[in-house]
Amino acid sequence: MHVPTTAPLAAKPLPFYRQLYFQVVVAIVLGAILGHYEPAFAESLKPLGDAFIKLVKMIIAPVIFLTIVTGIAGMTHLRTVGRVFAKSMAYFLFFSTLALIVGMVVAHVVQPGAGM
C-alpha cells in the first residue's frame, strides 16, 4: 500500500512589522515619546504597566521550576543529574555572592537615606 506524502512547505517569513523584536522596539519608542509629551496620560496608564509586571513575575517561578523538572526528568543517568545540580548550585552561589557584593558597594557609595 502506498501512502502519498508531501514534504512540509517552508513557512513564509513574516514581514518585519509582524516580528516581535520590531514590535517591542516600536512600543518602547512610543512609550518614551508618550511619556515625554503627555506625562499625565502616560501616568494614567501606570496601573496597566504595573499589572503586566505583576503577571510576568507570577509566571516566571513556575516556568523556571517546570523547565528544571522537565530537564531532570529527561536525564537518564543519575551521575548527569548530580553534575547538573552541582553546576546549578555553583552558579547560584557565585551570582548571589556577586549580587550581594555589588549591592553593598552601591549602598556604600550612594548611601541611600543619608541626610534624612
PDB file of N, CA and C in Angstrom:
ATOM      1  N   MET A   1       0.845  -1.169   0.000  1.00  0.00           N
ATOM      2  CA  MET A   1       0.000   0.000   0.000  1.00  0.00           C
ATOM      3  C   MET A   1       0.890   1.231   0.000  1.00  0.00           C
ATOM      4  N   HIS A   2       0.571   2.162  -0.837  1.00  0.00           N
ATOM      5  CA  HIS A   2       1.366   3.383  -0.964  1.00  0.00           C
ATOM      6  C   HIS A   2       0.585   4.558  -0.378  1.00  0.00           C
ATOM      7  N   VAL A   3       1.218   5.226   0.549  1.00  0.00           N
ATOM      8  CA  VAL A   3       0.590   6.407   1.151  1.00  0.00           C
ATOM      9  C   VAL A   3       1.317   7.626   0.608  1.00  0.00           C
ATOM     10  N   PRO A   4       0.612   8.465  -0.117  1.00  0.00           N
ATOM     11  CA  PRO A   4       1.290   9.651  -0.654  1.00  0.00           C
ATOM     12  C   PRO A   4       1.651  10.612   0.474  1.00  0.00           C
ATOM     13  N   THR A   5       2.856  11.077   0.431  1.00  0.00           N
ATOM     14  CA  THR A   5       3.304  12.048   1.427  1.00  0.00           C
ATOM     15  C   THR A   5       3.792  13.288   0.712  1.00  0.00           C
ATOM     16  N   THR A   6       3.659  14.369   1.384  1.00  0.00           N
ATOM     17  CA  THR A   6       4.174  15.624   0.843  1.00  0.00           C
ATOM     18  C   THR A   6       5.112  16.226   1.869  1.00  0.00           C
ATOM     19  N   ALA A   7       6.129  16.826   1.375  1.00  0.00           N
ATOM     20  CA  ALA A   7       7.067  17.499   2.264  1.00  0.00           C
ATOM     21  C   ALA A   7       6.392  18.760   2.796  1.00  0.00           C
ATOM     22  N   PRO A   8       6.622  19.063   4.069  1.00  0.00           N
ATOM     23  CA  PRO A   8       6.009  20.276   4.606  1.00  0.00           C
ATOM     24  C   PRO A   8       6.554  21.505   3.884  1.00  0.00           C
ATOM     25  N   LEU A   9       5.655  22.413   3.613  1.00  0.00           N
ATOM     26  CA  LEU A   9       6.064  23.638   2.943  1.00  0.00           C
ATOM     27  C   LEU A   9       6.817  24.528   3.922  1.00  0.00           C
ATOM     28  N   ALA A  10       7.816  25.195   3.424  1.00  0.00           N
ATOM     29  CA  ALA A  10       8.573  26.115   4.266  1.00  0.00           C
ATOM     30  C   ALA A  10       7.689  27.317   4.587  1.00  0.00           C
ATOM     31  N   ALA A  11       7.711  27.719   5.836  1.00  0.00           N
ATOM     32  CA  ALA A  11       6.901  28.855   6.250  1.00  0.00           C
ATOM     33  C   ALA A  11       7.454  30.132   5.623  1.00  0.00           C
ATOM     34  N   LYS A  12       6.536  30.950   5.156  1.00  0.00           N
ATOM     35  CA  LYS A  12       6.967  32.223   4.589  1.00  0.00           C
ATOM     36  C   LYS A  12       7.442  33.120   5.725  1.00  0.00           C
ATOM     37  N   PRO A  13       8.528  33.821   5.515  1.00  0.00           N
ATOM     38  CA  PRO A  13       8.987  34.720   6.578  1.00  0.00           C
ATOM     39  C   PRO A  13       7.968  35.835   6.800  1.00  0.00           C
ATOM     40  N   LEU A  14       7.814  36.192   8.062  1.00  0.00           N
ATOM     41  CA  LEU A  14       6.883  37.264   8.406  1.00  0.00           C
ATOM     42  C   LEU A  14       7.428  38.600   7.929  1.00  0.00           C
ATOM     43  N   PRO A  15       6.542  39.522   7.565  1.00  0.00           N
ATOM     44  CA  PRO A  15       7.027  40.870   7.267  1.00  0.00           C
ATOM     45  C   PRO A  15       7.635  41.479   8.533  1.00  0.00           C
ATOM     46  N   PHE A  16       8.520  42.441   8.360  1.00  0.00           N
ATOM     47  CA  PHE A  16       9.261  42.978   9.505  1.00  0.00           C
ATOM     48  C   PHE A  16       8.338  43.535  10.580  1.00  0.00           C
ATOM     49  N   TYR A  17       7.207  44.102  10.208  1.00  0.00           N
ATOM     50  CA  TYR A  17       6.314  44.711  11.191  1.00  0.00           C
ATOM     51  C   TYR A  17       5.523  43.673  11.989  1.00  0.00           C
ATOM     52  N   ARG A  18       5.575  42.415  11.625  1.00  0.00           N
ATOM     53  CA  ARG A  18       4.900  41.353  12.368  1.00  0.00           C
ATOM     54  C   ARG A  18       5.866  40.600  13.280  1.00  0.00           C
ATOM     55  N   GLN A  19       7.153  40.950  13.245  1.00  0.00           N
ATOM     56  CA  GLN A  19       8.137  40.263  14.073  1.00  0.00           C
ATOM     57  C   GLN A  19       8.180  40.911  15.449  1.00  0.00           C
ATOM     58  N   LEU A  20       8.342  40.072  16.467  1.00  0.00           N
ATOM     59  CA  LEU A  20       8.225  40.523  17.848  1.00  0.00           C
ATOM     60  C   LEU A  20       9.255  41.590  18.208  1.00  0.00           C
ATOM     61  N   TYR A  21      10.499  41.416  17.799  1.00  0.00           N
ATOM     62  CA  TYR A  21      11.521  42.393  18.190  1.00  0.00           C
ATOM     63  C   TYR A  21      11.182  43.770  17.642  1.00  0.00           C
ATOM     64  N   PHE A  22      10.657  43.859  16.434  1.00  0.00           N
ATOM     65  CA  PHE A  22      10.279  45.149  15.861  1.00  0.00           C
ATOM     66  C   PHE A  22       9.130  45.761  16.661  1.00  0.00           C
ATOM     67  N   GLN A  23       8.146  44.965  17.036  1.00  0.00           N
ATOM     68  CA  GLN A  23       7.012  45.467  17.803  1.00  0.00           C
ATOM     69  C   GLN A  23       7.443  45.965  19.176  1.00  0.00           C
ATOM     70  N   VAL A  24       8.389  45.269  19.801  1.00  0.00           N
ATOM     71  CA  VAL A  24       8.881  45.696  21.111  1.00  0.00           C
ATOM     72  C   VAL A  24       9.626  47.021  20.997  1.00  0.00           C
ATOM     73  N   VAL A  25      10.481  47.157  19.985  1.00  0.00           N
ATOM     74  CA  VAL A  25      11.221  48.410  19.794  1.00  0.00           C
ATOM     75  C   VAL A  25      10.255  49.562  19.539  1.00  0.00           C
ATOM     76  N   VAL A  26       9.251  49.346  18.707  1.00  0.00           N
ATOM     77  CA  VAL A  26       8.260  50.395  18.430  1.00  0.00           C
ATOM     78  C   VAL A  26       7.515  50.764  19.709  1.00  0.00           C
ATOM     79  N   ALA A  27       7.139  49.777  20.523  1.00  0.00           N
ATOM     80  CA  ALA A  27       6.433  50.055  21.769  1.00  0.00           C
ATOM     81  C   ALA A  27       7.298  50.865  22.731  1.00  0.00           C
ATOM     82  N   ILE A  28       8.578  50.560  22.803  1.00  0.00           N
ATOM     83  CA  ILE A  28       9.478  51.315  23.683  1.00  0.00           C
ATOM     84  C   ILE A  28       9.596  52.756  23.212  1.00  0.00           C
ATOM     85  N   VAL A  29       9.776  52.946  21.912  1.00  0.00           N
ATOM     86  CA  VAL A  29       9.900  54.305  21.367  1.00  0.00           C
ATOM     87  C   VAL A  29       8.608  55.083  21.591  1.00  0.00           C
ATOM     88  N   LEU A  30       7.456  54.468  21.302  1.00  0.00           N
ATOM     89  CA  LEU A  30       6.180  55.153  21.507  1.00  0.00           C
ATOM     90  C   LEU A  30       5.951  55.471  22.982  1.00  0.00           C
ATOM     91  N   GLY A  31       6.338  54.558  23.870  1.00  0.00           N
ATOM     92  CA  GLY A  31       6.207  54.813  25.300  1.00  0.00           C
ATOM     93  C   GLY A  31       7.069  55.974  25.754  1.00  0.00           C
ATOM     94  N   ALA A  32       8.285  56.061  25.235  1.00  0.00           N
ATOM     95  CA  ALA A  32       9.167  57.176  25.593  1.00  0.00           C
ATOM     96  C   ALA A  32       8.608  58.498  25.074  1.00  0.00           C
ATOM     97  N   ILE A  33       8.110  58.493  23.849  1.00  0.00           N
ATOM     98  CA  ILE A  33       7.535  59.717  23.275  1.00  0.00           C
ATOM     99  C   ILE A  33       6.292  60.132  24.055  1.00  0.00           C
ATOM    100  N   LEU A  34       5.422  59.176  24.348  1.00  0.00           N
ATOM    101  CA  LEU A  34       4.206  59.464  25.100  1.00  0.00           C
ATOM    102  C   LEU A  34       4.538  59.991  26.491  1.00  0.00           C
ATOM    103  N   GLY A  35       5.504  59.384  27.157  1.00  0.00           N
ATOM    104  CA  GLY A  35       5.900  59.837  28.486  1.00  0.00           C
ATOM    105  C   GLY A  35       6.509  61.220  28.474  1.00  0.00           C
ATOM    106  N   HIS A  36       7.165  61.581  27.376  1.00  0.00           N
ATOM    107  CA  HIS A  36       7.790  62.900  27.292  1.00  0.00           C
ATOM    108  C   HIS A  36       6.772  63.997  26.982  1.00  0.00           C
ATOM    109  N   TYR A  37       5.891  63.744  26.014  1.00  0.00           N
ATOM    110  CA  TYR A  37       4.972  64.789  25.558  1.00  0.00           C
ATOM    111  C   TYR A  37       3.632  64.786  26.287  1.00  0.00           C
ATOM    112  N   GLU A  38       3.187  63.677  26.807  1.00  0.00           N
ATOM    113  CA  GLU A  38       1.909  63.579  27.521  1.00  0.00           C
ATOM    114  C   GLU A  38       2.108  62.826  28.840  1.00  0.00           C
ATOM    115  N   PRO A  39       2.827  63.430  29.792  1.00  0.00           N
ATOM    116  CA  PRO A  39       3.124  62.694  31.028  1.00  0.00           C
ATOM    117  C   PRO A  39       1.874  62.348  31.846  1.00  0.00           C
ATOM    118  N   ALA A  40       0.836  63.190  31.786  1.00  0.00           N
ATOM    119  CA  ALA A  40      -0.374  62.896  32.559  1.00  0.00           C
ATOM    120  C   ALA A  40      -1.066  61.641  32.017  1.00  0.00           C
ATOM    121  N   PHE A  41      -1.159  61.539  30.691  1.00  0.00           N
ATOM    122  CA  PHE A  41      -1.782  60.357  30.091  1.00  0.00           C
ATOM    123  C   PHE A  41      -0.927  59.118  30.343  1.00  0.00           C
ATOM    124  N   ALA A  42       0.379  59.283  30.229  1.00  0.00           N
ATOM    125  CA  ALA A  42       1.275  58.153  30.484  1.00  0.00           C
ATOM    126  C   ALA A  42       1.138  57.691  31.933  1.00  0.00           C
ATOM    127  N   GLU A  43       0.973  58.628  32.852  1.00  0.00           N
ATOM    128  CA  GLU A  43       0.802  58.280  34.266  1.00  0.00           C
ATOM    129  C   GLU A  43      -0.510  57.531  34.486  1.00  0.00           C
ATOM    130  N   SER A  44      -1.529  57.869  33.704  1.00  0.00           N
ATOM    131  CA  SER A  44      -2.811  57.165  33.849  1.00  0.00           C
ATOM    132  C   SER A  44      -2.715  55.714  33.371  1.00  0.00           C
ATOM    133  N   LEU A  45      -1.728  55.407  32.554  1.00  0.00           N
ATOM    134  CA  LEU A  45      -1.527  54.036  32.081  1.00  0.00           C
ATOM    135  C   LEU A  45      -0.677  53.200  33.038  1.00  0.00           C
ATOM    136  N   LYS A  46      -0.178  53.815  34.115  1.00  0.00           N
ATOM    137  CA  LYS A  46       0.694  53.124  35.062  1.00  0.00           C
ATOM    138  C   LYS A  46       0.066  51.860  35.647  1.00  0.00           C
ATOM    139  N   PRO A  47      -1.236  51.856  36.015  1.00  0.00           N
ATOM    140  CA  PRO A  47      -1.811  50.608  36.545  1.00  0.00           C
ATOM    141  C   PRO A  47      -1.731  49.437  35.557  1.00  0.00           C
ATOM    142  N   LEU A  48      -1.863  49.718  34.274  1.00  0.00           N
ATOM    143  CA  LEU A  48      -1.733  48.649  33.278  1.00  0.00           C
ATOM    144  C   LEU A  48      -0.312  48.089  33.260  1.00  0.00           C
ATOM    145  N   GLY A  49       0.662  48.984  33.313  1.00  0.00           N
ATOM    146  CA  GLY A  49       2.057  48.543  33.339  1.00  0.00           C
ATOM    147  C   GLY A  49       2.377  47.756  34.596  1.00  0.00           C
ATOM    148  N   ASP A  50       1.872  48.241  35.740  1.00  0.00           N
ATOM    149  CA  ASP A  50       2.104  47.525  37.000  1.00  0.00           C
ATOM    150  C   ASP A  50       1.462  46.138  36.974  1.00  0.00           C
ATOM    151  N   ALA A  51       0.247  46.058  36.419  1.00  0.00           N
ATOM    152  CA  ALA A  51      -0.427  44.758  36.326  1.00  0.00           C
ATOM    153  C   ALA A  51       0.360  43.807  35.428  1.00  0.00           C
ATOM    154  N   PHE A  52       0.887  44.322  34.327  1.00  0.00           N
ATOM    155  CA  PHE A  52       1.675  43.487  33.418  1.00  0.00           C
ATOM    156  C   PHE A  52       2.923  42.957  34.116  1.00  0.00           C
ATOM    157  N   ILE A  53       3.617  43.818  34.846  1.00  0.00           N
ATOM    158  CA  ILE A  53       4.827  43.392  35.560  1.00  0.00           C
ATOM    159  C   ILE A  53       4.480  42.333  36.604  1.00  0.00           C
ATOM    160  N   LYS A  54       3.363  42.509  37.312  1.00  0.00           N
ATOM    161  CA  LYS A  54       2.962  41.514  38.310  1.00  0.00           C
ATOM    162  C   LYS A  54       2.640  40.173  37.653  1.00  0.00           C
ATOM    163  N   LEU A  55       1.984  40.212  36.494  1.00  0.00           N
ATOM    164  CA  LEU A  55       1.689  38.970  35.780  1.00  0.00           C
ATOM    165  C   LEU A  55       2.970  38.264  35.336  1.00  0.00           C
ATOM    166  N   VAL A  56       3.936  39.036  34.862  1.00  0.00           N
ATOM    167  CA  VAL A  56       5.212  38.441  34.447  1.00  0.00           C
ATOM    168  C   VAL A  56       5.913  37.815  35.648  1.00  0.00           C
ATOM    169  N   LYS A  57       5.902  38.516  36.783  1.00  0.00           N
ATOM    170  CA  LYS A  57       6.532  37.967  37.987  1.00  0.00           C
ATOM    171  C   LYS A  57       5.839  36.688  38.444  1.00  0.00           C
ATOM    172  N   MET A  58       4.498  36.635  38.285  1.00  0.00           N
ATOM    173  CA  MET A  58       3.765  35.442  38.704  1.00  0.00           C
ATOM    174  C   MET A  58       4.110  34.234  37.847  1.00  0.00           C
ATOM    175  N   ILE A  59       4.405  34.439  36.600  1.00  0.00           N
ATOM    176  CA  ILE A  59       4.614  33.315  35.687  1.00  0.00           C
ATOM    177  C   ILE A  59       6.061  32.832  35.673  1.00  0.00           C
ATOM    178  N   ILE A  60       7.002  33.663  36.108  1.00  0.00           N
ATOM    179  CA  ILE A  60       8.421  33.310  35.999  1.00  0.00           C
ATOM    180  C   ILE A  60       8.780  32.097  36.858  1.00  0.00           C
ATOM    181  N   ALA A  61       8.386  32.093  38.128  1.00  0.00           N
ATOM    182  CA  ALA A  61       8.778  30.995  39.024  1.00  0.00           C
ATOM    183  C   ALA A  61       8.255  29.639  38.537  1.00  0.00           C
ATOM    184  N   PRO A  62       6.968  29.509  38.171  1.00  0.00           N
ATOM    185  CA  PRO A  62       6.524  28.197  37.671  1.00  0.00           C
ATOM    186  C   PRO A  62       7.224  27.770  36.385  1.00  0.00           C
ATOM    187  N   VAL A  63       7.503  28.713  35.501  1.00  0.00           N
ATOM    188  CA  VAL A  63       8.176  28.359  34.246  1.00  0.00           C
ATOM    189  C   VAL A  63       9.579  27.833  34.531  1.00  0.00           C
ATOM    190  N   ILE A  64      10.310  28.509  35.399  1.00  0.00           N
ATOM    191  CA  ILE A  64      11.663  28.060  35.741  1.00  0.00           C
ATOM    192  C   ILE A  64      11.605  26.692  36.419  1.00  0.00           C
ATOM    193  N   PHE A  65      10.695  26.532  37.374  1.00  0.00           N
ATOM    194  CA  PHE A  65      10.569  25.252  38.080  1.00  0.00           C
ATOM    195  C   PHE A  65      10.254  24.118  37.113  1.00  0.00           C
ATOM    196  N   LEU A  66       9.272  24.327  36.254  1.00  0.00           N
ATOM    197  CA  LEU A  66       8.887  23.269  35.319  1.00  0.00           C
ATOM    198  C   LEU A  66       9.980  22.982  34.292  1.00  0.00           C
ATOM    199  N   THR A  67      10.732  23.998  33.910  1.00  0.00           N
ATOM    200  CA  THR A  67      11.846  23.777  32.992  1.00  0.00           C
ATOM    201  C   THR A  67      12.904  22.890  33.639  1.00  0.00           C
ATOM    202  N   ILE A  68      13.214  23.171  34.893  1.00  0.00           N
ATOM    203  CA  ILE A  68      14.208  22.365  35.607  1.00  0.00           C
ATOM    204  C   ILE A  68      13.707  20.935  35.800  1.00  0.00           C
ATOM    205  N   VAL A  69      12.450  20.794  36.212  1.00  0.00           N
ATOM    206  CA  VAL A  69      11.894  19.455  36.437  1.00  0.00           C
ATOM    207  C   VAL A  69      11.873  18.656  35.141  1.00  0.00           C
ATOM    208  N   THR A  70      11.463  19.290  34.054  1.00  0.00           N
ATOM    209  CA  THR A  70      11.433  18.601  32.763  1.00  0.00           C
ATOM    210  C   THR A  70      12.836  18.193  32.329  1.00  0.00           C
ATOM    211  N   GLY A  71      13.801  19.076  32.534  1.00  0.00           N
ATOM    212  CA  GLY A  71      15.180  18.749  32.176  1.00  0.00           C
ATOM    213  C   GLY A  71      15.724  17.587  32.979  1.00  0.00           C
ATOM    214  N   ILE A  72      15.444  17.586  34.278  1.00  0.00           N
ATOM    215  CA  ILE A  72      15.927  16.497  35.132  1.00  0.00           C
ATOM    216  C   ILE A  72      15.209  15.195  34.789  1.00  0.00           C
ATOM    217  N   ALA A  73      13.910  15.281  34.521  1.00  0.00           N
ATOM    218  CA  ALA A  73      13.151  14.071  34.184  1.00  0.00           C
ATOM    219  C   ALA A  73      13.643  13.451  32.882  1.00  0.00           C
ATOM    220  N   GLY A  74      14.173  14.263  31.989  1.00  0.00           N
ATOM    221  CA  GLY A  74      14.664  13.750  30.718  1.00  0.00           C
ATOM    222  C   GLY A  74      16.042  13.124  30.801  1.00  0.00           C
ATOM    223  N   MET A  75      16.729  13.290  31.914  1.00  0.00           N
ATOM    224  CA  MET A  75      18.064  12.713  32.066  1.00  0.00           C
ATOM    225  C   MET A  75      17.945  11.254  32.486  1.00  0.00           C
ATOM    226  N   THR A  76      18.783  10.444  31.905  1.00  0.00           N
ATOM    227  CA  THR A  76      18.689   9.014  32.185  1.00  0.00           C
ATOM    228  C   THR A  76      19.691   8.547  33.233  1.00  0.00           C
ATOM    229  N   HIS A  77      20.808   9.211  33.369  1.00  0.00           N
ATOM    230  CA  HIS A  77      21.838   8.772  34.297  1.00  0.00           C
ATOM    231  C   HIS A  77      21.836   9.663  35.532  1.00  0.00           C
ATOM    232  N   LEU A  78      21.911   9.048  36.681  1.00  0.00           N
ATOM    233  CA  LEU A  78      21.914   9.779  37.935  1.00  0.00           C
ATOM    234  C   LEU A  78      23.168  10.646  38.067  1.00  0.00           C
ATOM    235  N   ARG A  79      24.261  10.206  37.496  1.00  0.00           N
ATOM    236  CA  ARG A  79      25.503  10.971  37.556  1.00  0.00           C
ATOM    237  C   ARG A  79      25.328  12.316  36.843  1.00  0.00           C
ATOM    238  N   THR A  80      24.626  12.311  35.721  1.00  0.00           N
ATOM    239  CA  THR A  80      24.382  13.549  34.983  1.00  0.00           C
ATOM    240  C   THR A  80      23.535  14.505  35.812  1.00  0.00           C
ATOM    241  N   VAL A  81      22.527  13.977  36.496  1.00  0.00           N
ATOM    242  CA  VAL A  81      21.679  14.807  37.352  1.00  0.00           C
ATOM    243  C   VAL A  81      22.523  15.450  38.445  1.00  0.00           C
ATOM    244  N   GLY A  82      23.410  14.687  39.053  1.00  0.00           N
ATOM    245  CA  GLY A  82      24.281  15.223  40.100  1.00  0.00           C
ATOM    246  C   GLY A  82      25.194  16.316  39.580  1.00  0.00           C
ATOM    247  N   ARG A  83      25.735  16.120  38.380  1.00  0.00           N
ATOM    248  CA  ARG A  83      26.611  17.133  37.785  1.00  0.00           C
ATOM    249  C   ARG A  83      25.846  18.422  37.506  1.00  0.00           C
ATOM    250  N   VAL A  84      24.654  18.293  36.962  1.00  0.00           N
ATOM    251  CA  VAL A  84      23.837  19.474  36.668  1.00  0.00           C
ATOM    252  C   VAL A  84      23.475  20.197  37.959  1.00  0.00           C
ATOM    253  N   PHE A  85      23.137  19.437  39.003  1.00  0.00           N
ATOM    254  CA  PHE A  85      22.807  20.050  40.286  1.00  0.00           C
ATOM    255  C   PHE A  85      24.007  20.796  40.859  1.00  0.00           C
ATOM    256  N   ALA A  86      25.175  20.190  40.794  1.00  0.00           N
ATOM    257  CA  ALA A  86      26.382  20.836  41.322  1.00  0.00           C
ATOM    258  C   ALA A  86      26.692  22.122  40.559  1.00  0.00           C
ATOM    259  N   LYS A  87      26.582  22.081  39.238  1.00  0.00           N
ATOM    260  CA  LYS A  87      26.830  23.291  38.450  1.00  0.00           C
ATOM    261  C   LYS A  87      25.796  24.364  38.764  1.00  0.00           C
ATOM    262  N   SER A  88      24.542  23.965  38.918  1.00  0.00           N
ATOM    263  CA  SER A  88      23.486  24.925  39.232  1.00  0.00           C
ATOM    264  C   SER A  88      23.747  25.595  40.573  1.00  0.00           C
ATOM    265  N   MET A  89      24.133  24.813  41.562  1.00  0.00           N
ATOM    266  CA  MET A  89      24.426  25.384  42.880  1.00  0.00           C
ATOM    267  C   MET A  89      25.635  26.305  42.821  1.00  0.00           C
ATOM    268  N   ALA A  90      26.641  25.928  42.056  1.00  0.00           N
ATOM    269  CA  ALA A  90      27.823  26.783  41.924  1.00  0.00           C
ATOM    270  C   ALA A  90      27.450  28.116  41.283  1.00  0.00           C
ATOM    271  N   TYR A  91      26.656  28.070  40.204  1.00  0.00           N
ATOM    272  CA  TYR A  91      26.207  29.314  39.570  1.00  0.00           C
ATOM    273  C   TYR A  91      25.383  30.146  40.540  1.00  0.00           C
ATOM    274  N   PHE A  92      24.471  29.505  41.248  1.00  0.00           N
ATOM    275  CA  PHE A  92      23.621  30.223  42.198  1.00  0.00           C
ATOM    276  C   PHE A  92      24.452  30.907  43.275  1.00  0.00           C
ATOM    277  N   LEU A  93      25.381  30.181  43.860  1.00  0.00           N
ATOM    278  CA  LEU A  93      26.214  30.766  44.912  1.00  0.00           C
ATOM    279  C   LEU A  93      27.092  31.887  44.376  1.00  0.00           C
ATOM    280  N   PHE A  94      27.682  31.685  43.198  1.00  0.00           N
ATOM    281  CA  PHE A  94      28.552  32.710  42.625  1.00  0.00           C
ATOM    282  C   PHE A  94      27.779  33.992  42.349  1.00  0.00           C
ATOM    283  N   PHE A  95      26.659  33.875  41.644  1.00  0.00           N
ATOM    284  CA  PHE A  95      25.931  35.082  41.265  1.00  0.00           C
ATOM    285  C   PHE A  95      25.208  35.719  42.448  1.00  0.00           C
ATOM    286  N   SER A  96      24.792  34.939  43.434  1.00  0.00           N
ATOM    287  CA  SER A  96      24.216  35.519  44.645  1.00  0.00           C
ATOM    288  C   SER A  96      25.271  36.316  45.401  1.00  0.00           C
ATOM    289  N   THR A  97      26.466  35.763  45.504  1.00  0.00           N
ATOM    290  CA  THR A  97      27.557  36.477  46.169  1.00  0.00           C
ATOM    291  C   THR A  97      27.928  37.736  45.397  1.00  0.00           C
ATOM    292  N   LEU A  98      27.997  37.633  44.077  1.00  0.00           N
ATOM    293  CA  LEU A  98      28.297  38.801  43.250  1.00  0.00           C
ATOM    294  C   LEU A  98      27.237  39.883  43.431  1.00  0.00           C
ATOM    295  N   ALA A  99      25.958  39.504  43.445  1.00  0.00           N
ATOM    296  CA  ALA A  99      24.882  40.480  43.637  1.00  0.00           C
ATOM    297  C   ALA A  99      24.975  41.124  45.015  1.00  0.00           C
ATOM    298  N   LEU A 100      25.318  40.339  46.024  1.00  0.00           N
ATOM    299  CA  LEU A 100      25.474  40.875  47.371  1.00  0.00           C
ATOM    300  C   LEU A 100      26.608  41.889  47.425  1.00  0.00           C
ATOM    301  N   ILE A 101      27.739  41.560  46.830  1.00  0.00           N
ATOM    302  CA  ILE A 101      28.888  42.472  46.831  1.00  0.00           C
ATOM    303  C   ILE A 101      28.562  43.756  46.078  1.00  0.00           C
ATOM    304  N   VAL A 102      27.958  43.633  44.898  1.00  0.00           N
ATOM    305  CA  VAL A 102      27.596  44.827  44.121  1.00  0.00           C
ATOM    306  C   VAL A 102      26.606  45.680  44.905  1.00  0.00           C
ATOM    307  N   GLY A 103      25.619  45.060  45.531  1.00  0.00           N
ATOM    308  CA  GLY A 103      24.643  45.806  46.324  1.00  0.00           C
ATOM    309  C   GLY A 103      25.282  46.534  47.488  1.00  0.00           C
ATOM    310  N   MET A 104      26.227  45.878  48.164  1.00  0.00           N
ATOM    311  CA  MET A 104      26.894  46.532  49.293  1.00  0.00           C
ATOM    312  C   MET A 104      27.768  47.690  48.833  1.00  0.00           C
ATOM    313  N   VAL A 105      28.469  47.522  47.719  1.00  0.00           N
ATOM    314  CA  VAL A 105      29.314  48.603  47.198  1.00  0.00           C
ATOM    315  C   VAL A 105      28.450  49.788  46.782  1.00  0.00           C
ATOM    316  N   VAL A 106      27.376  49.527  46.066  1.00  0.00           N
ATOM    317  CA  VAL A 106      26.499  50.616  45.625  1.00  0.00           C
ATOM    318  C   VAL A 106      25.876  51.309  46.833  1.00  0.00           C
ATOM    319  N   ALA A 107      25.440  50.554  47.834  1.00  0.00           N
ATOM    320  CA  ALA A 107      24.866  51.158  49.033  1.00  0.00           C
ATOM    321  C   ALA A 107      25.897  52.002  49.770  1.00  0.00           C
ATOM    322  N   HIS A 108      27.150  51.550  49.780  1.00  0.00           N
ATOM    323  CA  HIS A 108      28.202  52.322  50.450  1.00  0.00           C
ATOM    324  C   HIS A 108      28.508  53.610  49.690  1.00  0.00           C
ATOM    325  N   VAL A 109      28.517  53.548  48.365  1.00  0.00           N
ATOM    326  CA  VAL A 109      28.835  54.724  47.552  1.00  0.00           C
ATOM    327  C   VAL A 109      27.668  55.704  47.533  1.00  0.00           C
ATOM    328  N   VAL A 110      26.454  55.215  47.294  1.00  0.00           N
ATOM    329  CA  VAL A 110      25.288  56.090  47.150  1.00  0.00           C
ATOM    330  C   VAL A 110      24.777  56.554  48.507  1.00  0.00           C
ATOM    331  N   GLN A 111      24.883  55.724  49.515  1.00  0.00           N
ATOM    332  CA  GLN A 111      24.410  55.988  50.869  1.00  0.00           C
ATOM    333  C   GLN A 111      22.953  56.444  50.869  1.00  0.00           C
ATOM    334  N   PRO A 112      22.039  55.548  50.504  1.00  0.00           N
ATOM    335  CA  PRO A 112      20.628  55.928  50.488  1.00  0.00           C
ATOM    336  C   PRO A 112      20.132  56.239  51.897  1.00  0.00           C
ATOM    337  N   GLY A 113      19.347  57.270  52.026  1.00  0.00           N
ATOM    338  CA  GLY A 113      18.798  57.668  53.312  1.00  0.00           C
ATOM    339  C   GLY A 113      19.701  58.587  54.113  1.00  0.00           C
ATOM    340  N   ALA A 114      20.907  58.867  53.619  1.00  0.00           N
ATOM    341  CA  ALA A 114      21.809  59.761  54.345  1.00  0.00           C
ATOM    342  C   ALA A 114      21.250  61.177  54.307  1.00  0.00           C
ATOM    343  N   GLY A 115      21.287  61.850  55.427  1.00  0.00           N
ATOM    344  CA  GLY A 115      20.837  63.234  55.488  1.00  0.00           C
ATOM    345  C   GLY A 115      19.337  63.376  55.682  1.00  0.00           C
ATOM    346  N   MET A 116      18.667  62.306  56.031  1.00  0.00           N
ATOM    347  CA  MET A 116      17.216  62.408  56.249  1.00  0.00           C
ATOM    348  C   MET A 116      16.932  62.764  57.673  1.00  0.00           C
TER     349      MET A 116
END
